[in-house]
N, C-alpha and C. Protein backbone atom coordinates (compact mmCIF):
# COMPACT_ATOMS: atom_id res chain seq x y z
N UNK A 1 278.80 -62.15 -25.03
CA UNK A 1 279.87 -61.21 -24.97
C UNK A 1 279.43 -60.03 -24.33
N UNK A 2 278.52 -59.50 -24.38
CA UNK A 2 277.44 -58.80 -24.30
C UNK A 2 276.94 -58.92 -22.93
N UNK A 3 275.93 -60.12 -23.10
CA UNK A 3 276.43 -60.68 -21.99
C UNK A 3 276.79 -60.28 -20.70
N UNK A 4 278.01 -60.55 -20.52
CA UNK A 4 279.23 -61.19 -19.74
C UNK A 4 279.19 -59.36 -19.43
N UNK A 5 279.50 -58.52 -19.77
CA UNK A 5 279.43 -56.82 -19.67
C UNK A 5 278.17 -56.18 -19.39
N UNK A 6 276.82 -56.69 -19.81
CA UNK A 6 275.68 -56.30 -18.62
C UNK A 6 275.62 -56.76 -16.93
N UNK A 7 275.76 -58.54 -17.16
CA UNK A 7 276.23 -59.16 -16.01
C UNK A 7 277.34 -58.62 -14.94
N UNK A 8 278.10 -58.26 -15.36
CA UNK A 8 279.92 -57.50 -14.82
C UNK A 8 278.76 -55.91 -13.82
N UNK A 9 278.08 -55.42 -15.13
CA UNK A 9 277.77 -53.58 -15.08
C UNK A 9 276.85 -54.44 -13.85
N UNK A 10 275.61 -54.75 -13.92
CA UNK A 10 274.99 -55.08 -12.94
C UNK A 10 275.00 -55.84 -11.61
N UNK A 11 276.23 -56.42 -11.72
CA UNK A 11 276.75 -57.31 -10.42
C UNK A 11 278.02 -55.80 -9.46
N UNK A 12 278.36 -54.85 -10.41
CA UNK A 12 279.34 -54.15 -9.89
C UNK A 12 278.32 -53.18 -9.10
N UNK A 13 277.27 -52.74 -9.78
CA UNK A 13 275.86 -51.73 -9.17
C UNK A 13 275.40 -52.56 -7.62
N UNK A 14 274.72 -53.49 -8.25
CA UNK A 14 274.31 -54.48 -6.78
C UNK A 14 275.51 -54.45 -4.80
N UNK A 15 276.87 -54.56 -6.25
CA UNK A 15 278.02 -54.29 -5.06
C UNK A 15 278.36 -53.25 -4.56
N UNK A 16 278.15 -52.17 -5.14
CA UNK A 16 277.79 -50.50 -4.49
C UNK A 16 277.07 -50.58 -3.94
N UNK A 17 275.77 -51.10 -4.07
CA UNK A 17 274.98 -50.50 -2.87
C UNK A 17 274.95 -51.49 -2.37
N UNK A 18 275.25 -52.32 -1.96
CA UNK A 18 275.01 -53.23 -0.76
C UNK A 18 276.01 -52.65 0.29
N UNK A 19 277.14 -52.34 -0.08
CA UNK A 19 278.40 -51.42 0.46
C UNK A 19 277.83 -50.77 1.17
N UNK A 20 277.16 -49.78 0.34
CA UNK A 20 276.94 -48.62 0.45
C UNK A 20 276.43 -48.77 1.99
N UNK A 21 274.97 -49.48 2.23
CA UNK A 21 274.03 -49.67 2.97
C UNK A 21 275.19 -49.88 4.06
N UNK A 22 276.28 -50.84 4.00
CA UNK A 22 277.01 -51.53 4.75
C UNK A 22 277.74 -50.32 5.75
N UNK A 23 278.29 -49.56 4.71
CA UNK A 23 278.89 -48.24 5.29
C UNK A 23 278.41 -47.42 6.29
N UNK A 24 276.76 -47.23 5.62
CA UNK A 24 275.88 -46.15 6.68
C UNK A 24 275.72 -46.94 8.21
N UNK A 25 275.24 -48.23 7.56
CA UNK A 25 275.24 -48.42 8.73
C UNK A 25 276.35 -48.75 10.20
N UNK A 26 277.43 -48.97 9.60
CA UNK A 26 278.76 -49.14 10.34
C UNK A 26 279.11 -47.28 10.40
N UNK A 27 278.37 -46.57 9.91
CA UNK A 27 278.60 -45.00 9.98
C UNK A 27 277.76 -44.68 11.33
N UNK A 28 276.37 -45.31 11.36
CA UNK A 28 275.47 -45.27 12.60
C UNK A 28 275.66 -45.71 13.37
N UNK A 29 275.95 -47.38 13.99
CA UNK A 29 276.75 -47.68 14.48
C UNK A 29 277.53 -46.30 15.99
N UNK A 30 278.71 -46.59 14.42
CA UNK A 30 279.59 -46.15 15.79
C UNK A 30 279.64 -44.22 15.87
N UNK A 31 278.53 -43.58 15.20
CA UNK A 31 277.45 -42.20 15.90
C UNK A 31 277.02 -42.41 17.36
N UNK A 32 276.08 -43.36 17.20
CA UNK A 32 275.46 -43.77 18.70
C UNK A 32 276.69 -44.23 19.50
N UNK A 33 277.63 -45.31 18.84
CA UNK A 33 278.48 -45.36 20.38
C UNK A 33 278.96 -44.28 20.78
N UNK A 34 279.38 -43.03 19.70
CA UNK A 34 280.25 -42.48 20.32
C UNK A 34 279.88 -41.48 20.99
N UNK A 35 277.96 -41.44 21.09
CA UNK A 35 277.56 -40.63 21.71
C UNK A 35 276.84 -41.24 23.47
N UNK A 36 276.86 -42.54 23.57
CA UNK A 36 276.78 -43.02 24.40
C UNK A 36 278.41 -42.93 25.22
N UNK A 37 279.67 -43.02 24.57
CA UNK A 37 280.35 -43.05 25.35
C UNK A 37 280.28 -41.40 25.76
N UNK A 38 280.34 -40.06 25.08
CA UNK A 38 280.58 -39.33 25.33
C UNK A 38 279.11 -39.09 27.09
N UNK A 39 278.21 -39.43 26.76
CA UNK A 39 276.84 -39.17 28.19
C UNK A 39 277.71 -39.51 28.86
N UNK A 40 279.15 -40.58 29.39
CA UNK A 40 279.44 -41.16 30.05
C UNK A 40 280.62 -40.76 30.56
N UNK A 41 280.97 -39.52 29.48
CA UNK A 41 282.14 -39.14 29.90
C UNK A 41 281.98 -37.48 30.39
N UNK A 42 280.53 -37.08 30.28
CA UNK A 42 280.69 -35.63 30.55
C UNK A 42 279.72 -36.15 32.18
N UNK A 43 279.48 -37.45 31.97
CA UNK A 43 278.62 -37.08 33.71
C UNK A 43 280.05 -37.62 34.38
N UNK A 44 281.08 -38.44 34.19
CA UNK A 44 282.11 -38.23 35.38
C UNK A 44 282.49 -36.96 35.09
N UNK A 45 282.91 -36.49 34.29
CA UNK A 45 283.32 -34.69 34.42
C UNK A 45 282.70 -34.06 35.55
N UNK A 46 281.65 -34.00 35.15
CA UNK A 46 280.65 -33.21 35.92
C UNK A 46 280.83 -33.66 37.22
N UNK A 47 280.73 -34.94 37.96
CA UNK A 47 281.17 -35.11 38.95
C UNK A 47 282.41 -34.76 39.55
N UNK A 48 283.46 -35.13 38.88
CA UNK A 48 284.84 -34.31 39.42
C UNK A 48 285.00 -32.97 39.56
N UNK A 49 284.10 -32.82 38.73
CA UNK A 49 284.27 -30.88 39.18
C UNK A 49 283.03 -30.57 39.95
N UNK A 50 282.26 -31.25 40.56
CA UNK A 50 281.26 -31.03 41.48
C UNK A 50 282.46 -31.58 42.97
N UNK A 51 282.98 -32.33 42.84
CA UNK A 51 284.06 -32.99 44.15
C UNK A 51 285.32 -31.74 43.76
N UNK A 52 285.76 -31.51 43.29
CA UNK A 52 286.59 -30.27 42.81
C UNK A 52 286.34 -28.93 43.63
N UNK A 53 284.94 -28.85 43.14
CA UNK A 53 284.59 -27.85 44.22
C UNK A 53 284.39 -27.37 45.07
N UNK A 54 283.86 -28.59 46.07
CA UNK A 54 283.83 -28.92 47.62
C UNK A 54 284.56 -28.88 48.17
N UNK A 55 285.96 -29.60 47.50
CA UNK A 55 286.98 -29.20 48.23
C UNK A 55 287.97 -28.27 47.94
N UNK A 56 287.21 -27.36 47.26
CA UNK A 56 287.86 -25.97 47.17
C UNK A 56 287.41 -25.12 48.38
N UNK A 57 285.88 -25.70 48.41
CA UNK A 57 285.31 -24.73 49.12
C UNK A 57 285.18 -24.42 50.60
N UNK A 58 285.60 -26.22 50.54
CA UNK A 58 286.25 -26.59 52.20
C UNK A 58 287.84 -26.41 52.36
N UNK A 59 288.21 -26.46 51.66
CA UNK A 59 289.33 -25.54 52.10
C UNK A 59 289.47 -24.33 52.53
N UNK A 60 288.98 -23.76 51.10
CA UNK A 60 288.58 -22.08 51.91
C UNK A 60 288.13 -21.70 53.33
N UNK A 61 287.01 -22.45 53.73
CA UNK A 61 286.78 -22.40 55.29
C UNK A 61 287.58 -22.63 55.92
N UNK A 62 288.67 -23.82 55.92
CA UNK A 62 289.43 -24.08 56.61
C UNK A 62 290.33 -22.63 56.70
N UNK A 63 290.62 -22.26 56.23
CA UNK A 63 291.80 -21.38 56.03
C UNK A 63 291.29 -19.42 56.27
């Protein structure tokens, strides 16, 4: 019975360590993906602002 309890505790501890590493890896991948999406989003936002500014300047010159 004692051997079973020790094995159970060791298994739970090992499982928690493995799950912890998997969670950290998943968080890191998610953070990296979000950062890449933000860069793409930011580039698109700047491009849209440039086009809007050009349109505004063109409309102002025309009037």
